[in-house]
Amino acid sequence: MAIRKIVKYGAPILKQKLKPVDFKTLEPLLPALLKDMEDTCMSVSGAGLAANQIGFEHRMAVILMPEKTEEGQPKKFRRFVIINPKIISREGSVIEEEGCLSLPGLFVDIERAAVVVVQYLNEKGVPMQAKARGLLAKAFQHEIDHLDGKIFIEHADPKLKPAIKKELKILSKEWR
């Protein structure tokens, strides 16, 4: 399919709470759109991509979790398509470095729930529920934040905000 341009920090669509997907209306467009999202995400070695990161205003994202493969074998991914996702429970907390395709080059320690349970529709419109921990839990939270118009740096320790702002000023010149 096509690799789409990734919307960068500062674009208004990244601050928008996205519209729920009316599955029946969008169903004919989904295969091509999801393939574009997956190709775009893979082209920059991302773990996930929300629809608004390519300029689409509906609540959906793709998450690509690397699976273990034997040495010399092509990398494999477990693909999650999450449509109209909602986190229904959170447990524990963990602080880990996080980055974002819309803020390339910026990495910040962020506190997230260690375990989440998420409800969503898959690409066929089937209701699903997943319990996730580790990188997958972080990816679910990160992408759902995007769908709610939030960016990961909003979760940063307030003491780090001046340094983040300074770094963003420098990096944003490279994004143009």
Protein backbone atom coordinates (compact mmCIF):
# COMPACT_ATOMS: atom_id res chain seq x y z
CA MET A 1 0.00 0.00 0.00
CA ALA A 2 1.36 3.43 0.94
CA ILE A 3 3.60 4.94 3.54
CA ARG A 4 1.87 8.04 4.86
CA LYS A 5 3.43 11.21 6.25
CA ILE A 6 3.47 11.19 10.05
CA VAL A 7 1.96 14.28 11.65
CA LYS A 8 4.45 16.02 13.93
CA TYR A 9 4.04 17.58 17.37
CA GLY A 10 2.27 20.92 17.23
CA ALA A 11 -0.32 19.88 14.64
CA PRO A 12 -3.86 20.54 15.97
CA ILE A 13 -5.11 17.02 15.11
CA LEU A 14 -2.79 15.55 17.76
CA LYS A 15 -4.68 17.50 20.46
CA GLN A 16 -8.15 16.42 19.22
CA LYS A 17 -10.24 13.78 20.94
CA LEU A 18 -11.07 11.55 17.98
CA LYS A 19 -14.52 10.48 16.79
CA PRO A 20 -15.66 6.92 17.44
CA VAL A 21 -15.54 4.66 14.40
CA ASP A 22 -18.93 3.74 12.92
CA PHE A 23 -17.69 0.33 11.85
CA LYS A 24 -20.27 -0.33 9.11
CA THR A 25 -19.60 3.05 7.48
CA LEU A 26 -15.80 2.73 7.52
CA GLU A 27 -15.57 -1.03 6.92
CA PRO A 28 -14.91 -0.72 3.15
CA LEU A 29 -11.99 1.68 3.80
CA LEU A 30 -10.41 -0.25 6.68
CA PRO A 31 -8.23 -2.82 4.87
CA ALA A 32 -6.37 -0.18 2.84
CA LEU A 33 -6.16 2.32 5.72
CA LEU A 34 -4.91 -0.30 8.20
CA LYS A 35 -2.32 -1.56 5.70
CA ASP A 36 -1.10 2.03 5.21
CA MET A 37 -0.90 2.49 8.99
CA GLU A 38 1.04 -0.75 9.42
CA ASP A 39 3.41 0.04 6.54
CA THR A 40 3.97 3.56 7.87
CA CYS A 41 4.65 2.29 11.39
CA MET A 42 7.06 -0.39 10.15
CA SER A 43 8.88 2.07 7.87
CA VAL A 44 10.09 3.98 10.95
CA SER A 45 10.44 0.96 13.27
CA GLY A 46 7.52 2.06 15.46
CA ALA A 47 5.61 -0.02 17.97
CA GLY A 48 2.28 1.65 17.22
CA LEU A 49 0.52 4.32 15.23
CA ALA A 50 -2.74 6.12 15.97
CA ALA A 51 -5.01 7.31 13.15
CA ASN A 52 -4.52 11.00 13.97
CA GLN A 53 -0.77 10.56 13.45
CA ILE A 54 -1.53 10.22 9.73
CA GLY A 55 -4.30 12.84 9.73
CA PHE A 56 -7.31 10.53 10.12
CA GLU A 57 -9.88 11.64 12.74
CA HIS A 58 -11.31 8.32 13.95
CA ARG A 59 -10.55 6.25 17.09
CA MET A 60 -8.30 3.52 15.77
CA ALA A 61 -4.68 2.49 15.99
CA VAL A 62 -2.32 -0.33 15.07
CA ILE A 63 0.20 -1.85 17.45
CA LEU A 64 3.04 -4.06 16.24
CA MET A 65 4.69 -6.15 18.94
CA PRO A 66 7.92 -7.92 17.97
CA GLU A 67 7.86 -11.68 18.49
CA LYS A 68 10.92 -13.77 19.19
CA THR A 69 12.41 -15.32 16.08
CA GLU A 70 15.37 -17.57 15.49
CA GLU A 71 18.60 -15.88 14.52
CA GLY A 72 18.75 -15.17 10.80
CA GLN A 73 14.97 -15.34 10.42
CA PRO A 74 12.92 -12.30 9.35
CA LYS A 75 11.43 -10.29 12.19
CA LYS A 76 7.82 -11.20 13.00
CA PHE A 77 5.21 -9.02 14.66
CA ARG A 78 2.01 -9.65 16.54
CA ARG A 79 -0.42 -7.09 15.10
CA PHE A 80 -3.19 -5.50 17.12
CA VAL A 81 -5.82 -3.36 15.44
CA ILE A 82 -7.72 -1.42 18.09
CA ILE A 83 -10.89 0.36 17.08
CA ASN A 84 -12.79 2.46 19.64
CA PRO A 85 -10.53 1.16 22.45
CA LYS A 86 -11.16 1.79 26.12
CA ILE A 87 -8.98 0.96 29.11
CA ILE A 88 -11.23 -0.72 31.66
CA SER A 89 -8.67 -1.40 34.38
CA ARG A 90 -5.14 -0.47 35.39
CA GLU A 91 -2.79 -2.10 37.92
CA GLY A 92 0.52 -1.06 39.39
CA SER A 93 2.91 1.41 37.86
CA VAL A 94 6.20 1.44 36.06
CA ILE A 95 8.51 4.24 34.92
CA GLU A 96 10.18 3.62 31.58
CA GLU A 97 11.62 5.59 28.72
CA GLU A 98 9.08 6.39 26.03
CA GLY A 99 9.21 8.01 22.61
CA CYS A 100 6.73 8.86 19.86
CA LEU A 101 6.72 8.88 16.06
CA SER A 102 5.19 12.37 16.16
CA LEU A 103 8.09 13.65 18.30
CA PRO A 104 11.07 11.90 16.66
CA GLY A 105 14.26 11.99 18.68
CA LEU A 106 12.62 12.80 22.02
CA PHE A 107 12.73 10.15 24.76
CA VAL A 108 11.42 10.77 28.28
CA ASP A 109 10.85 8.62 31.37
CA ILE A 110 7.08 8.29 31.77
CA GLU A 111 5.02 6.63 34.49
CA ARG A 112 2.38 4.23 33.16
CA ALA A 113 0.22 1.45 34.57
CA ALA A 114 2.13 -1.83 34.65
CA VAL A 115 -0.91 -3.86 33.58
CA VAL A 116 -4.00 -2.76 31.64
CA VAL A 117 -7.17 -4.42 30.43
CA VAL A 118 -8.45 -2.96 27.17
CA GLN A 119 -11.74 -3.44 25.31
CA TYR A 120 -11.85 -2.70 21.59
CA LEU A 121 -13.10 -3.85 18.20
CA ASN A 122 -10.69 -5.66 15.92
CA GLU A 123 -10.42 -5.06 12.16
CA LYS A 124 -13.43 -7.32 11.54
CA GLY A 125 -15.61 -5.43 14.03
CA VAL A 126 -15.46 -8.21 16.63
CA PRO A 127 -15.43 -7.04 20.27
CA MET A 128 -12.17 -8.01 21.96
CA GLN A 129 -10.59 -7.71 25.37
CA ALA A 130 -6.87 -7.93 26.12
CA LYS A 131 -4.91 -7.94 29.34
CA ALA A 132 -1.45 -6.53 28.70
CA ARG A 133 1.77 -5.93 30.59
CA GLY A 134 5.22 -4.74 29.62
CA LEU A 135 5.75 -3.11 26.23
CA LEU A 136 2.24 -4.05 25.06
CA ALA A 137 0.63 -2.32 28.07
CA LYS A 138 2.72 0.78 27.38
CA ALA A 139 1.76 0.71 23.67
CA PHE A 140 -1.97 0.40 24.44
CA GLN A 141 -1.80 3.36 26.84
CA HIS A 142 0.30 5.46 24.47
CA GLU A 143 -1.96 4.90 21.44
CA ILE A 144 -5.20 5.37 23.40
CA ASP A 145 -3.77 8.64 24.74
CA HIS A 146 -3.31 9.75 21.11
CA LEU A 147 -6.95 8.93 20.39
CA ASP A 148 -7.92 11.09 23.38
CA GLY A 149 -5.81 14.02 22.10
CA LYS A 150 -2.99 13.49 24.61
CA ILE A 151 0.73 13.18 23.98
CA PHE A 152 3.05 11.11 26.16
CA ILE A 153 5.01 14.11 27.44
CA GLU A 154 1.88 15.26 29.29
CA HIS A 155 2.62 12.37 31.70
CA ALA A 156 6.20 13.50 32.35
CA ASP A 157 7.37 14.57 35.78
CA PRO A 158 6.64 18.33 36.04
CA LYS A 159 10.29 18.93 36.98
CA LEU A 160 11.29 17.65 33.51
CA LYS A 161 8.94 19.96 31.57
CA PRO A 162 11.41 22.88 31.11
CA ALA A 163 14.06 20.51 29.70
CA ILE A 164 11.49 18.83 27.46
CA LYS A 165 10.29 22.19 26.14
CA LYS A 166 13.89 23.19 25.38
CA GLU A 167 14.56 19.88 23.59
CA LEU A 168 11.32 20.20 21.58
CA LYS A 169 12.36 23.62 20.35
CA ILE A 170 15.61 22.16 19.01
CA LEU A 171 14.08 19.00 17.55
CA SER A 172 11.13 20.73 15.89
CA LYS A 173 13.56 22.56 13.58
CA GLU A 174 14.73 19.16 12.29
CA TRP A 175 11.14 18.01 11.59
CA ARG A 176 10.41 20.76 9.08
